[in-house]
Structures are given as structure tokens and as C-alpha cells.
Amino acid sequence: FLLGGFPAWETTRVWSALPLCSMYLLALLGNLTILSIVRSERSLHAPMYLLLAMLALADLGLSTSTFPTVLRVLWLEAREISFGPCLAQMFFIHVFADIESAVILAMAFDRYVAICHPLRYSSILTNAMTAKICVAIVTRATLVLLPLPILLSQLCFTKVRQLSHPYCLHPDVIKHADSDVRLHSTYGLFVLLSTLGLDLLFVLLSYLLILKTILNVATWRGRLKALNTCLSHICAVLLFFIPMICLSMMHQFLKHVSPQAYAVTANLHFLVPPILNPIVYSVKAKPIRRRMLEVLCQSGIHKARGDIC
């Protein structure tokens, strides 16, 4: 296959790679910081923060699966990718996206239990239950998505094909097969609706129940604070789910779509959330925010002492 590019950036390809490289480094820094803090602070070994660490792992996997080929296309103009590596990249991209989707649902359920049933929280969501949820999330993603590369390996591709994105995605790859792809297309749509589609539905339901509880119980100041947190979470959730669902529908049902529409929709889903999630979910969490400030203050103190010496 020939990987697609960024249509609007072709004339400034090398300079366009600089902000993308910065985005990748920010995603790595933010998510590795979360993992480091949750791992080192025993007080954060609680369901909410364990799920946050799982989200950081999913973001790291998603960004590491997508950014390298994006930068390779922009910096080196190396568009060729053989069938095997393309299938491997496709599998890992979709697996980590599915894991992130399920983790976001688990985090929404965690907040629902904590706000709507606070007295039962410690008995419902224990660390052992959280570990089982994480295992179930990884198992679901692997079992549901493993058939995709196996089925694709049986298709016939007779010549070099130009993909729409600088990474391999299932709905994009099957469009270029010379075989009958109705089974593959149907299964891909089933996977999308049964994972991301259902997850989004239950996430929105959880936040609706949370908002209902907040508006019935809290004071005005508490309501505003909770609404601020919920709205930021909902915006991050929609930014993750909506572009992927729209992208799959565009590949499935629309024949003539501009390259710019494909590029913008795909990049909103795959490149932005790994950077945005550490900000939205971590900065809103007081213990992690406090620990980050402590680390920064200690670094500043050590630097000042070094300058004095």
C-alpha cells in the first residue's frame, strides 16, 4: 500500500512534521507522568486512578501505533508499507481505540457509582473488581478485533493501492480489495456499533444520571463545580467517539468524500485524545494535580540550589 498524506500540508511537509512531533512528545510526556504518579503514590491505588492509568496506557498505545508512520510520511516521504505491517498496525490501532473506549465507559461508571451511590462505592468498586474490569476490557478488544486481520489476509489485492490516511485502518483497507468484501464490511460495522457505539450510549447515559443526581442534591456552587467537570469530560468523550463513528460511516456508505474530510476526521480521533485526556482527566483530579505541582516545585528548588552553589 501507499500511505496517504495530509492534502493541505503537502507543500510544507517538513515544517508540518514539527508540530506533529511536538504533539507526540506531549502525549508521551503527559501519559507517562500519569503512570509514574499513580505507580509511585500508594494513596492513588484506588479504582478511579487505576482506570486513569489504564486510559494512559491506551493513549500511549494509540499514539505509538499512529504517530510513527505519520512522521515517516511527512519527514521522509516514505509512503510504502507492505501488507503484513499494515495489518499489524491496523490491528493495534483498533485494539487500543477499543480499549480506550471501554476504559472511558468504566470511568463513567466509576463516577456514576461515586456520585449517585456513594455509600455503596467501596463495596461495589474494589481494586480487585477494577483489575477484573481491566482484564475484561483487554480480552474484549482482542477477541472482537482479532478476526479482522485474519479475514483481511484472505482477500486479494492485485496492485499497489493508495490509502486515505498515513496509517492503516480497516474500513480504508477493505475498500481496495479485488474480492467480495461484504462479509468484512458487515463485520467491521458490527464491531464498531457493538463496541464504540454501545460504549458511547452507556457513557452518555451515565453522565445523564450523574447530572440528574447533582441537580437534585447539590448546592448551586456544588452544581456549577460538578457541571464544569462533567462538561469537560463529556467534550473529551465526544471528541473521541464521534470522529471514529463518522469516519467509519464515511468509508462504509459515502463514495465521494474529499481527502481533507478524511484527514481531519481521522486525526481528531487518533491524534488529539492522547494529548487531551491527560489534561482533562488528570488536571481535574486534585491528588494528581497536587502531586504534579509538588514535583515541579521540588525541581525548581533543586535548580535554585544548584544555581546558588
Foldseek 3Di string as FASTA:
>chain_A
DFFAAAVVCPVVLQVVLVVLVVLLVLLVVLLVLLLVVCVVDPVNLWLLSVLVNQLSVLLNQLSVLQSVLRSCCRNVVPGDDDDVNQLVSQLSNQLSLLLNLLSLLVNLVLLLCCQVPVVCNCVPGGSVVSVVSSVVSNVVSCVLRVVQSVVVVPFAQPDDDYFLHSGHHRLRVVVRTPDDCPVVLVSVVVSLCVGLVVSLVSSVVSLVSNLVSCVVDPDPVSNVLVCVLSVLSVVLSCLQRVLVVVLSCCSNPPDDDDSNSNHVSVCSHRRPSSNSSSVSSQCSDVVSVVVVVVVVVVVVVVVVVVVVD
